Amino acid sequence: MPEVPLLTWSVNITSIFMSATLLWLIILGPFPPSVDYTFLPDQQTKAVFHLDNQSYIAFDKRADDLWKSILPSNDGRVLATNISSGFHYWATVAMFHQLSCLRNIRYAFLAMSHSADAAVVIQQEMGKGSAYEKLGVCFDYIRQGLLCAADTTLHPVARLDDGFQVLDGNALWHTCNDHEMLYKWAEMSGKPRKDPLIHESPSQ
């Protein structure tokens, strides 16, 4: 039996590998991106004790001012770096996008609570780009964010004197990412100096 040249073996192995890779991409989609080094800030985790923050729960002027200022001055945009090309680009951190959505939901809730006409307007205008659609998108975006974070803190059920059972998410320790670092990153980035969609080369 004649020997198969080494080059032929290499070509065959390469073909099999490429076919398997193509099959993977067709069935499961692209491989997840590498996160070994992403040029993101060094974000630490810390234990945080959650309690009701009455300032944000209320619906008075003080609470309105707090919700208005919940985003950085540049709305949470940061100057990031593409690890493949080295190009810089402007992006919005997901946490700030989620907070913006939550704030918009609160605005809509207040508007509908104070005026029946506002509720009617939102329900009448349900087309593409309408406030109704944007609220739905925000609900789904926050849903995806919660599933992505997948907080595993256990909430015990408490029984009140009157027999009711409540599930209280407060007075518990949570392991949280340091969100203050993201605020600092956004403030250090400043306001976008160009269109956020335009990528900037490292020399600019």
N, C-alpha and C. Protein backbone atom coordinates (compact mmCIF):
# COMPACT_ATOMS: atom_id res chain seq x y z
N MET A 1 0.86 -1.21 0.00
CA MET A 1 0.00 0.00 0.00
C MET A 1 0.88 1.24 0.00
N PRO A 2 0.70 2.13 -0.96
CA PRO A 2 1.57 3.31 -1.04
C PRO A 2 1.33 4.26 0.12
N GLU A 3 2.40 4.91 0.54
CA GLU A 3 2.30 5.86 1.65
C GLU A 3 1.65 7.15 1.17
N VAL A 4 0.82 7.72 2.05
CA VAL A 4 0.16 8.99 1.74
C VAL A 4 1.10 10.13 2.13
N PRO A 5 1.42 11.02 1.20
CA PRO A 5 2.34 12.12 1.51
C PRO A 5 1.84 12.94 2.70
N LEU A 6 2.78 13.49 3.47
CA LEU A 6 2.45 14.30 4.64
C LEU A 6 1.61 15.50 4.25
N LEU A 7 1.89 16.09 3.09
CA LEU A 7 1.13 17.26 2.65
C LEU A 7 -0.34 16.91 2.45
N THR A 8 -0.59 15.70 1.92
CA THR A 8 -1.98 15.28 1.70
C THR A 8 -2.71 15.14 3.02
N TRP A 9 -2.01 14.55 4.02
CA TRP A 9 -2.61 14.43 5.35
C TRP A 9 -2.96 15.81 5.91
N SER A 10 -2.06 16.76 5.75
CA SER A 10 -2.29 18.11 6.27
C SER A 10 -3.49 18.76 5.61
N VAL A 11 -3.58 18.58 4.28
CA VAL A 11 -4.70 19.16 3.55
C VAL A 11 -6.01 18.53 3.99
N ASN A 12 -6.00 17.21 4.18
CA ASN A 12 -7.22 16.52 4.60
C ASN A 12 -7.67 16.96 5.99
N ILE A 13 -6.72 17.06 6.92
CA ILE A 13 -7.04 17.49 8.28
C ILE A 13 -7.58 18.92 8.28
N THR A 14 -6.93 19.78 7.48
CA THR A 14 -7.38 21.17 7.39
C THR A 14 -8.79 21.25 6.83
N SER A 15 -9.08 20.45 5.81
CA SER A 15 -10.42 20.43 5.20
C SER A 15 -11.47 19.97 6.20
N ILE A 16 -11.13 18.92 6.97
CA ILE A 16 -12.08 18.43 7.97
C ILE A 16 -12.35 19.49 9.03
N PHE A 17 -11.27 20.17 9.47
CA PHE A 17 -11.43 21.22 10.50
C PHE A 17 -12.29 22.36 9.98
N MET A 18 -12.03 22.78 8.73
CA MET A 18 -12.80 23.90 8.16
C MET A 18 -14.26 23.50 7.97
N SER A 19 -14.51 22.25 7.57
CA SER A 19 -15.89 21.79 7.40
C SER A 19 -16.61 21.76 8.74
N ALA A 20 -15.91 21.28 9.79
CA ALA A 20 -16.51 21.25 11.12
C ALA A 20 -16.81 22.66 11.62
N THR A 21 -15.88 23.58 11.37
CA THR A 21 -16.08 24.97 11.79
C THR A 21 -17.26 25.59 11.08
N LEU A 22 -17.38 25.34 9.76
CA LEU A 22 -18.50 25.87 8.99
C LEU A 22 -19.81 25.31 9.49
N LEU A 23 -19.83 24.00 9.80
CA LEU A 23 -21.05 23.37 10.33
C LEU A 23 -21.43 23.99 11.66
N TRP A 24 -20.41 24.27 12.51
CA TRP A 24 -20.66 24.92 13.81
C TRP A 24 -21.31 26.29 13.61
N LEU A 25 -20.76 27.07 12.68
CA LEU A 25 -21.28 28.42 12.46
C LEU A 25 -22.70 28.37 11.92
N ILE A 26 -23.00 27.37 11.07
CA ILE A 26 -24.35 27.27 10.51
C ILE A 26 -25.36 26.91 11.59
N ILE A 27 -24.98 25.98 12.47
CA ILE A 27 -25.93 25.48 13.48
C ILE A 27 -26.01 26.39 14.70
N LEU A 28 -24.85 26.78 15.24
CA LEU A 28 -24.83 27.48 16.53
C LEU A 28 -24.47 28.96 16.43
N GLY A 29 -24.06 29.42 15.25
CA GLY A 29 -23.68 30.81 15.12
C GLY A 29 -22.21 31.02 15.41
N PRO A 30 -21.73 32.27 15.35
CA PRO A 30 -20.31 32.54 15.54
C PRO A 30 -19.84 32.26 16.95
N PHE A 31 -18.54 32.03 17.10
CA PHE A 31 -17.96 31.83 18.42
C PHE A 31 -18.09 33.11 19.25
N PRO A 32 -18.21 32.99 20.57
CA PRO A 32 -18.28 34.20 21.40
C PRO A 32 -16.98 34.97 21.31
N PRO A 33 -17.03 36.31 21.44
CA PRO A 33 -15.81 37.11 21.32
C PRO A 33 -14.84 36.83 22.46
N SER A 34 -13.58 37.00 22.18
CA SER A 34 -12.56 36.83 23.21
C SER A 34 -12.61 37.99 24.18
N VAL A 35 -12.55 37.70 25.46
CA VAL A 35 -12.63 38.76 26.48
C VAL A 35 -11.37 38.75 27.34
N ASP A 36 -10.27 38.20 26.79
CA ASP A 36 -9.04 38.16 27.57
C ASP A 36 -8.53 39.57 27.86
N TYR A 37 -8.67 40.47 26.90
CA TYR A 37 -8.20 41.84 27.09
C TYR A 37 -9.05 42.76 26.25
N THR A 38 -9.92 43.52 26.87
CA THR A 38 -10.91 44.30 26.14
C THR A 38 -10.74 45.80 26.31
N PHE A 39 -9.70 46.23 26.99
CA PHE A 39 -9.47 47.66 27.23
C PHE A 39 -10.60 48.29 28.04
N LEU A 40 -11.31 47.49 28.83
CA LEU A 40 -12.35 48.02 29.71
C LEU A 40 -11.74 48.36 31.06
N PRO A 41 -12.37 49.25 31.81
CA PRO A 41 -11.84 49.57 33.14
C PRO A 41 -11.80 48.34 34.03
N ASP A 42 -10.91 48.35 34.98
CA ASP A 42 -10.80 47.24 35.93
C ASP A 42 -11.94 47.35 36.92
N GLN A 43 -13.01 46.61 36.68
CA GLN A 43 -14.22 46.70 37.48
C GLN A 43 -14.23 45.60 38.53
N GLN A 44 -14.24 45.99 39.79
CA GLN A 44 -14.22 45.04 40.89
C GLN A 44 -15.64 44.73 41.37
N THR A 45 -15.80 43.61 42.04
CA THR A 45 -17.08 43.28 42.67
C THR A 45 -17.00 43.61 44.15
N LYS A 46 -18.12 43.93 44.74
CA LYS A 46 -18.14 44.26 46.16
C LYS A 46 -19.50 43.88 46.74
N ALA A 47 -19.52 43.66 48.04
CA ALA A 47 -20.76 43.32 48.72
C ALA A 47 -21.52 44.61 49.04
N VAL A 48 -22.78 44.64 48.66
CA VAL A 48 -23.61 45.83 48.88
C VAL A 48 -24.86 45.41 49.65
N PHE A 49 -25.17 46.16 50.70
CA PHE A 49 -26.35 45.87 51.51
C PHE A 49 -27.51 46.71 50.98
N HIS A 50 -28.53 46.06 50.42
CA HIS A 50 -29.65 46.76 49.80
C HIS A 50 -30.72 47.12 50.84
N LEU A 51 -31.09 48.37 50.84
CA LEU A 51 -32.21 48.86 51.66
C LEU A 51 -33.07 49.77 50.79
N ASP A 52 -34.31 49.95 51.20
CA ASP A 52 -35.18 50.88 50.48
C ASP A 52 -34.53 52.27 50.44
N ASN A 53 -34.45 52.84 49.24
CA ASN A 53 -33.98 54.21 49.11
C ASN A 53 -35.22 55.08 48.86
N GLN A 54 -35.72 55.68 49.92
CA GLN A 54 -36.95 56.45 49.83
C GLN A 54 -36.83 57.62 48.85
N SER A 55 -35.60 58.09 48.64
CA SER A 55 -35.42 59.22 47.73
C SER A 55 -35.83 58.86 46.31
N TYR A 56 -35.55 57.61 45.89
CA TYR A 56 -35.90 57.18 44.54
C TYR A 56 -37.29 56.57 44.47
N ILE A 57 -37.82 56.11 45.60
CA ILE A 57 -39.15 55.51 45.62
C ILE A 57 -40.23 56.57 45.48
N ALA A 58 -39.99 57.74 46.06
CA ALA A 58 -41.01 58.79 46.09
C ALA A 58 -41.30 59.33 44.68
N PHE A 59 -42.38 60.08 44.59
CA PHE A 59 -42.76 60.71 43.32
C PHE A 59 -42.90 62.22 43.52
N ASP A 60 -41.96 62.79 44.27
CA ASP A 60 -41.99 64.24 44.50
C ASP A 60 -40.87 64.89 43.69
N LYS A 61 -40.72 66.21 43.87
CA LYS A 61 -39.74 66.95 43.08
C LYS A 61 -38.31 66.48 43.35
N ARG A 62 -38.03 66.17 44.61
CA ARG A 62 -36.68 65.71 44.95
C ARG A 62 -36.35 64.42 44.20
N ALA A 63 -37.32 63.51 44.16
CA ALA A 63 -37.11 62.26 43.43
C ALA A 63 -36.97 62.52 41.93
N ASP A 64 -37.77 63.44 41.42
CA ASP A 64 -37.67 63.79 39.99
C ASP A 64 -36.27 64.28 39.65
N ASP A 65 -35.72 65.13 40.52
CA ASP A 65 -34.37 65.66 40.28
C ASP A 65 -33.32 64.54 40.32
N LEU A 66 -33.50 63.61 41.24
CA LEU A 66 -32.55 62.49 41.33
C LEU A 66 -32.61 61.63 40.07
N TRP A 67 -33.80 61.35 39.59
CA TRP A 67 -33.92 60.53 38.39
C TRP A 67 -33.40 61.27 37.16
N LYS A 68 -33.55 62.58 37.13
CA LYS A 68 -33.02 63.36 36.01
C LYS A 68 -31.50 63.30 35.96
N SER A 69 -30.87 63.22 37.14
CA SER A 69 -29.40 63.23 37.21
C SER A 69 -28.80 61.84 37.38
N ILE A 70 -29.58 60.80 37.10
CA ILE A 70 -29.09 59.44 37.35
C ILE A 70 -28.05 59.02 36.31
N LEU A 71 -28.01 59.73 35.17
CA LEU A 71 -27.01 59.44 34.14
C LEU A 71 -25.88 60.46 34.21
N PRO A 72 -24.68 60.09 33.74
CA PRO A 72 -23.58 61.06 33.68
C PRO A 72 -23.94 62.21 32.74
N SER A 73 -23.13 63.23 32.76
CA SER A 73 -23.42 64.42 31.95
C SER A 73 -23.41 64.12 30.45
N ASN A 74 -22.75 63.05 30.03
CA ASN A 74 -22.72 62.70 28.60
C ASN A 74 -23.65 61.52 28.28
N ASP A 75 -24.60 61.24 29.18
CA ASP A 75 -25.61 60.19 29.01
C ASP A 75 -25.01 58.78 29.01
N GLY A 76 -23.80 58.65 29.53
CA GLY A 76 -23.21 57.32 29.65
C GLY A 76 -22.40 56.86 28.47
N ARG A 77 -22.00 57.78 27.62
CA ARG A 77 -21.16 57.40 26.48
C ARG A 77 -19.70 57.33 26.92
N VAL A 78 -19.00 56.37 26.36
CA VAL A 78 -17.59 56.19 26.70
C VAL A 78 -16.78 56.04 25.42
N LEU A 79 -15.52 56.39 25.52
CA LEU A 79 -14.59 56.21 24.40
C LEU A 79 -13.93 54.85 24.59
N ALA A 80 -14.26 53.91 23.73
CA ALA A 80 -13.75 52.54 23.83
C ALA A 80 -12.76 52.27 22.71
N THR A 81 -12.11 51.11 22.79
CA THR A 81 -11.11 50.72 21.80
C THR A 81 -11.41 49.33 21.27
N ASN A 82 -11.43 49.21 19.95
CA ASN A 82 -11.61 47.91 19.32
C ASN A 82 -10.30 47.13 19.43
N ILE A 83 -10.33 45.95 20.06
CA ILE A 83 -9.09 45.21 20.32
C ILE A 83 -8.51 44.62 19.05
N SER A 84 -9.31 44.53 17.98
CA SER A 84 -8.79 43.95 16.73
C SER A 84 -8.10 45.01 15.87
N SER A 85 -8.78 46.14 15.66
CA SER A 85 -8.25 47.17 14.77
C SER A 85 -7.47 48.25 15.50
N GLY A 86 -7.70 48.38 16.81
CA GLY A 86 -7.06 49.46 17.54
C GLY A 86 -7.78 50.79 17.38
N PHE A 87 -8.89 50.81 16.64
CA PHE A 87 -9.63 52.05 16.44
C PHE A 87 -10.44 52.40 17.69
N HIS A 88 -10.59 53.69 17.93
CA HIS A 88 -11.42 54.17 19.04
C HIS A 88 -12.82 54.46 18.51
N TYR A 89 -13.80 54.27 19.34
CA TYR A 89 -15.18 54.57 18.94
C TYR A 89 -15.99 54.91 20.18
N TRP A 90 -17.09 55.61 19.96
CA TRP A 90 -17.99 56.00 21.05
C TRP A 90 -19.09 54.97 21.20
N ALA A 91 -19.38 54.62 22.43
CA ALA A 91 -20.42 53.63 22.71
C ALA A 91 -21.11 54.01 24.02
N THR A 92 -22.29 53.46 24.22
CA THR A 92 -23.03 53.66 25.47
C THR A 92 -22.96 52.39 26.30
N VAL A 93 -22.58 52.51 27.55
CA VAL A 93 -22.50 51.35 28.44
C VAL A 93 -23.92 50.83 28.70
N ALA A 94 -24.07 49.51 28.67
CA ALA A 94 -25.40 48.90 28.82
C ALA A 94 -26.09 49.34 30.11
N MET A 95 -25.35 49.46 31.20
CA MET A 95 -25.96 49.87 32.46
C MET A 95 -26.65 51.22 32.34
N PHE A 96 -26.02 52.16 31.64
CA PHE A 96 -26.61 53.49 31.48
C PHE A 96 -27.82 53.44 30.55
N HIS A 97 -27.75 52.59 29.54
CA HIS A 97 -28.91 52.42 28.65
C HIS A 97 -30.09 51.86 29.43
N GLN A 98 -29.83 50.92 30.32
CA GLN A 98 -30.89 50.34 31.15
C GLN A 98 -31.48 51.38 32.09
N LEU A 99 -30.62 52.19 32.70
CA LEU A 99 -31.11 53.25 33.58
C LEU A 99 -31.94 54.27 32.81
N SER A 100 -31.52 54.58 31.60
CA SER A 100 -32.27 55.51 30.77
C SER A 100 -33.65 54.94 30.45
N CYS A 101 -33.71 53.66 30.15
CA CYS A 101 -35.00 53.01 29.88
C CYS A 101 -35.88 53.05 31.12
N LEU A 102 -35.31 52.73 32.26
CA LEU A 102 -36.08 52.73 33.50
C LEU A 102 -36.61 54.13 33.80
N ARG A 103 -35.80 55.14 33.56
CA ARG A 103 -36.24 56.52 33.78
C ARG A 103 -37.38 56.90 32.83
N ASN A 104 -37.28 56.46 31.57
CA ASN A 104 -38.34 56.76 30.60
C ASN A 104 -39.65 56.08 30.98
N ILE A 105 -39.56 54.87 31.52
CA ILE A 105 -40.77 54.17 31.98
C ILE A 105 -41.40 54.94 33.14
N ARG A 106 -40.55 55.44 34.03
CA ARG A 106 -41.05 56.23 35.16
C ARG A 106 -41.73 57.51 34.66
N TYR A 107 -41.11 58.18 33.68
CA TYR A 107 -41.72 59.39 33.11
C TYR A 107 -43.11 59.08 32.55
N ALA A 108 -43.21 57.98 31.80
CA ALA A 108 -44.50 57.61 31.19
C ALA A 108 -45.52 57.27 32.27
N PHE A 109 -45.08 56.59 33.32
CA PHE A 109 -45.98 56.24 34.42
C PHE A 109 -46.52 57.50 35.08
N LEU A 110 -45.64 58.46 35.34
CA LEU A 110 -46.09 59.71 35.97
C LEU A 110 -47.04 60.47 35.07
N ALA A 111 -46.72 60.52 33.77
CA ALA A 111 -47.58 61.24 32.84
C ALA A 111 -48.97 60.64 32.79
N MET A 112 -49.05 59.30 32.75
CA MET A 112 -50.36 58.63 32.69
C MET A 112 -51.09 58.72 34.03
N SER A 113 -50.32 58.81 35.13
CA SER A 113 -50.95 58.93 36.45
C SER A 113 -51.58 60.30 36.65
N HIS A 114 -50.96 61.32 36.06
CA HIS A 114 -51.43 62.69 36.26
C HIS A 114 -52.45 63.13 35.22
N SER A 115 -52.52 62.42 34.11
CA SER A 115 -53.41 62.86 33.05
C SER A 115 -53.97 61.66 32.29
N ALA A 116 -55.32 61.58 32.26
CA ALA A 116 -55.96 60.51 31.49
C ALA A 116 -55.71 60.70 30.01
N ASP A 117 -55.57 61.97 29.58
CA ASP A 117 -55.31 62.24 28.17
C ASP A 117 -53.97 61.65 27.73
N ALA A 118 -52.97 61.72 28.62
CA ALA A 118 -51.65 61.18 28.28
C ALA A 118 -51.72 59.68 28.05
N ALA A 119 -52.52 59.01 28.87
CA ALA A 119 -52.69 57.56 28.72
C ALA A 119 -53.36 57.24 27.39
N VAL A 120 -54.35 58.05 27.02
CA VAL A 120 -55.07 57.83 25.77
C VAL A 120 -54.14 58.03 24.58
N VAL A 121 -53.30 59.08 24.65
CA VAL A 121 -52.37 59.37 23.56
C VAL A 121 -51.41 58.21 23.35
N ILE A 122 -50.86 57.70 24.45
CA ILE A 122 -49.90 56.59 24.34
C ILE A 122 -50.56 55.36 23.75
N GLN A 123 -51.81 55.10 24.10
CA GLN A 123 -52.50 53.92 23.60
C GLN A 123 -52.95 54.09 22.14
N GLN A 124 -53.19 55.32 21.73
CA GLN A 124 -53.64 55.56 20.36
C GLN A 124 -52.48 55.50 19.37
N GLU A 125 -51.31 55.91 19.81
CA GLU A 125 -50.15 55.94 18.91
C GLU A 125 -49.26 54.73 19.20
N MET A 126 -49.47 53.65 18.45
CA MET A 126 -48.74 52.41 18.69
C MET A 126 -47.86 52.01 17.51
N GLY A 127 -47.69 52.92 16.58
CA GLY A 127 -46.91 52.60 15.39
C GLY A 127 -45.41 52.57 15.66
N LYS A 128 -44.66 52.31 14.61
CA LYS A 128 -43.21 52.23 14.71
C LYS A 128 -42.64 53.58 15.13
N GLY A 129 -41.78 53.56 16.14
CA GLY A 129 -41.17 54.78 16.63
C GLY A 129 -42.02 55.54 17.63
N SER A 130 -43.20 55.01 17.95
CA SER A 130 -44.09 55.69 18.90
C SER A 130 -43.61 55.49 20.33
N ALA A 131 -44.15 56.30 21.24
CA ALA A 131 -43.80 56.16 22.66
C ALA A 131 -44.23 54.79 23.18
N TYR A 132 -45.35 54.29 22.67
CA TYR A 132 -45.84 52.96 23.08
C TYR A 132 -44.82 51.88 22.72
N GLU A 133 -44.30 51.93 21.49
CA GLU A 133 -43.32 50.93 21.07
C GLU A 133 -42.02 51.07 21.85
N LYS A 134 -41.59 52.31 22.09
CA LYS A 134 -40.33 52.53 22.81
C LYS A 134 -40.41 52.00 24.24
N LEU A 135 -41.59 52.15 24.87
CA LEU A 135 -41.76 51.61 26.22
C LEU A 135 -41.66 50.09 26.20
N GLY A 136 -42.27 49.47 25.20
CA GLY A 136 -42.20 48.02 25.08
C GLY A 136 -40.77 47.55 24.88
N VAL A 137 -40.03 48.27 24.07
CA VAL A 137 -38.61 47.94 23.84
C VAL A 137 -37.82 48.07 25.14
N CYS A 138 -38.13 49.12 25.91
CA CYS A 138 -37.42 49.33 27.17
C CYS A 138 -37.71 48.20 28.16
N PHE A 139 -38.96 47.79 28.24
CA PHE A 139 -39.29 46.67 29.13
C PHE A 139 -38.49 45.42 28.75
N ASP A 140 -38.42 45.14 27.46
CA ASP A 140 -37.70 43.94 27.01
C ASP A 140 -36.20 44.09 27.22
N TYR A 141 -35.68 45.30 27.03
CA TYR A 141 -34.24 45.52 27.21
C TYR A 141 -33.84 45.31 28.67
N ILE A 142 -34.66 45.82 29.58
CA ILE A 142 -34.39 45.63 31.01
C ILE A 142 -34.53 44.15 31.37
N ARG A 143 -35.51 43.48 30.79
CA ARG A 143 -35.68 42.04 31.03
C ARG A 143 -34.41 41.28 30.64
N GLN A 144 -33.87 41.60 29.46
CA GLN A 144 -32.67 40.92 29.01
C GLN A 144 -31.48 41.23 29.92
N GLY A 145 -31.42 42.48 30.40
CA GLY A 145 -30.33 42.86 31.30
C GLY A 145 -30.38 42.09 32.61
N LEU A 146 -31.59 41.91 33.14
CA LEU A 146 -31.75 41.15 34.38
C LEU A 146 -31.34 39.69 34.19
N LEU A 147 -31.74 39.11 33.07
CA LEU A 147 -31.38 37.73 32.80
C LEU A 147 -29.88 37.59 32.60
N CYS A 148 -29.26 38.60 31.98
CA CYS A 148 -27.82 38.57 31.76
C CYS A 148 -27.07 38.64 33.08
N ALA A 149 -27.51 39.51 33.99
CA ALA A 149 -26.85 39.63 35.29
C ALA A 149 -27.10 38.39 36.15
N ALA A 150 -28.30 37.83 36.06
CA ALA A 150 -28.67 36.59 36.78
C ALA A 150 -28.22 36.63 38.24
N ASP A 151 -28.70 37.61 38.97
CA ASP A 151 -28.37 37.77 40.39
C ASP A 151 -28.90 36.56 41.17
N THR A 152 -28.02 35.88 41.88
CA THR A 152 -28.40 34.65 42.60
C THR A 152 -28.66 34.89 44.08
N THR A 153 -28.78 36.15 44.51
CA THR A 153 -29.07 36.42 45.90
C THR A 153 -30.41 35.79 46.28
N LEU A 154 -30.44 35.08 47.40
CA LEU A 154 -31.67 34.40 47.84
C LEU A 154 -32.52 35.33 48.71
N HIS A 155 -33.78 35.45 48.36
CA HIS A 155 -34.71 36.31 49.09
C HIS A 155 -35.64 35.43 49.94
N PRO A 156 -35.47 35.44 51.24
CA PRO A 156 -36.36 34.63 52.08
C PRO A 156 -37.76 35.22 52.13
N VAL A 157 -38.71 34.36 52.34
CA VAL A 157 -40.11 34.79 52.45
C VAL A 157 -40.41 35.09 53.92
N ALA A 158 -40.97 36.27 54.18
CA ALA A 158 -41.30 36.67 55.55
C ALA A 158 -42.81 36.58 55.76
N ARG A 159 -43.22 36.13 56.93
CA ARG A 159 -44.64 36.05 57.27
C ARG A 159 -44.98 37.18 58.23
N LEU A 160 -45.94 37.99 57.84
CA LEU A 160 -46.36 39.11 58.66
C LEU A 160 -47.33 38.65 59.73
N ASP A 161 -47.59 39.55 60.69
CA ASP A 161 -48.48 39.21 61.81
C ASP A 161 -49.90 38.86 61.35
N ASP A 162 -50.32 39.49 60.24
CA ASP A 162 -51.69 39.24 59.76
C ASP A 162 -51.76 38.00 58.88
N GLY A 163 -50.67 37.25 58.76
CA GLY A 163 -50.70 36.00 58.00
C GLY A 163 -50.22 36.12 56.57
N PHE A 164 -50.06 37.37 56.07
CA PHE A 164 -49.60 37.55 54.70
C PHE A 164 -48.12 37.20 54.58
N GLN A 165 -47.76 36.67 53.44
CA GLN A 165 -46.36 36.37 53.15
C GLN A 165 -45.83 37.39 52.15
N VAL A 166 -44.65 37.89 52.40
CA VAL A 166 -44.05 38.88 51.51
C VAL A 166 -42.65 38.41 51.11
N LEU A 167 -42.28 38.77 49.90
CA LEU A 167 -40.94 38.50 49.40
C LEU A 167 -40.23 39.84 49.27
N ASP A 168 -39.38 40.15 50.21
CA ASP A 168 -38.75 41.46 50.29
C ASP A 168 -37.31 41.36 49.79
N GLY A 169 -37.00 42.16 48.78
CA GLY A 169 -35.64 42.13 48.23
C GLY A 169 -34.69 43.05 48.93
N ASN A 170 -35.14 43.67 50.00
CA ASN A 170 -34.27 44.59 50.74
C ASN A 170 -33.68 43.91 51.97
N ALA A 171 -32.80 44.63 52.65
CA ALA A 171 -32.12 44.13 53.84
C ALA A 171 -31.37 42.84 53.55
N LEU A 172 -30.74 42.81 52.37
CA LEU A 172 -29.97 41.64 51.97
C LEU A 172 -28.64 42.08 51.38
N TRP A 173 -27.63 41.24 51.54
CA TRP A 173 -26.33 41.50 50.92
C TRP A 173 -26.36 40.99 49.48
N HIS A 174 -25.91 41.82 48.55
CA HIS A 174 -25.77 41.43 47.15
C HIS A 174 -24.30 41.59 46.74
N THR A 175 -23.85 40.72 45.87
CA THR A 175 -22.52 40.87 45.27
C THR A 175 -22.68 41.64 43.98
N CYS A 176 -22.14 42.84 43.94
CA CYS A 176 -22.39 43.76 42.82
C CYS A 176 -21.09 44.18 42.15
N ASN A 177 -21.19 44.46 40.85
CA ASN A 177 -20.07 45.10 40.17
C ASN A 177 -19.99 46.55 40.60
N ASP A 178 -18.81 47.10 40.59
CA ASP A 178 -18.59 48.48 41.03
C ASP A 178 -19.10 49.42 39.94
N HIS A 179 -20.31 49.96 40.12
CA HIS A 179 -20.87 50.85 39.10
C HIS A 179 -20.21 52.22 39.11
N GLU A 180 -19.58 52.59 40.22
CA GLU A 180 -18.94 53.90 40.29
C GLU A 180 -17.82 54.02 39.26
N MET A 181 -17.15 52.90 38.96
CA MET A 181 -16.09 52.91 37.97
C MET A 181 -16.64 53.28 36.59
N LEU A 182 -17.85 52.84 36.29
CA LEU A 182 -18.46 53.16 34.99
C LEU A 182 -18.82 54.64 34.90
N TYR A 183 -19.29 55.20 36.02
CA TYR A 183 -19.55 56.64 36.03
C TYR A 183 -18.26 57.43 35.79
N LYS A 184 -17.19 57.00 36.43
CA LYS A 184 -15.90 57.68 36.25
C LYS A 184 -15.42 57.58 34.81
N TRP A 185 -15.60 56.40 34.21
CA TRP A 185 -15.18 56.18 32.83
C TRP A 185 -15.94 57.12 31.89
N ALA A 186 -17.24 57.25 32.12
CA ALA A 186 -18.05 58.11 31.27
C ALA A 186 -17.64 59.57 31.44
N GLU A 187 -17.44 60.00 32.69
CA GLU A 187 -17.06 61.39 32.92
C GLU A 187 -15.69 61.70 32.33
N MET A 188 -14.76 60.75 32.43
CA MET A 188 -13.42 60.94 31.85
C MET A 188 -13.48 61.00 30.33
N SER A 189 -14.42 60.28 29.72
CA SER A 189 -14.54 60.28 28.26
C SER A 189 -15.06 61.60 27.74
N GLY A 190 -15.86 62.29 28.56
CA GLY A 190 -16.42 63.56 28.13
C GLY A 190 -17.51 63.37 27.09
N LYS A 191 -17.89 64.47 26.45
CA LYS A 191 -18.92 64.40 25.42
C LYS A 191 -18.27 64.00 24.10
N PRO A 192 -18.98 63.21 23.27
CA PRO A 192 -18.41 62.82 21.97
C PRO A 192 -18.00 64.02 21.16
N ARG A 193 -16.78 63.97 20.66
CA ARG A 193 -16.25 65.08 19.88
C ARG A 193 -16.59 64.95 18.40
N LYS A 194 -17.13 63.80 18.01
CA LYS A 194 -17.57 63.56 16.65
C LYS A 194 -18.88 62.79 16.69
N ASP A 195 -19.43 62.53 15.52
CA ASP A 195 -20.61 61.68 15.46
C ASP A 195 -20.30 60.35 16.14
N PRO A 196 -21.16 59.89 17.07
CA PRO A 196 -20.87 58.65 17.80
C PRO A 196 -20.70 57.43 16.89
N LEU A 197 -21.23 57.51 15.66
CA LEU A 197 -21.13 56.37 14.76
C LEU A 197 -19.82 56.36 13.97
N ILE A 198 -19.06 57.45 14.05
CA ILE A 198 -17.81 57.53 13.30
C ILE A 198 -16.67 56.99 14.15
N HIS A 199 -15.97 56.01 13.62
CA HIS A 199 -14.82 55.45 14.33
C HIS A 199 -13.62 56.37 14.16
N GLU A 200 -12.82 56.46 15.17
CA GLU A 200 -11.64 57.29 15.14
C GLU A 200 -10.39 56.42 15.20
N SER A 201 -9.41 56.74 14.37
CA SER A 201 -8.17 55.97 14.41
C SER A 201 -7.37 56.38 15.63
N PRO A 202 -6.46 55.53 16.11
CA PRO A 202 -5.69 55.87 17.31
C PRO A 202 -4.89 57.15 17.19
N SER A 203 -4.57 57.58 15.96
CA SER A 203 -3.75 58.77 15.79
C SER A 203 -4.55 60.05 15.89
N GLN A 204 -5.88 59.94 15.87
CA GLN A 204 -6.70 61.16 15.90
C GLN A 204 -6.96 61.62 17.32
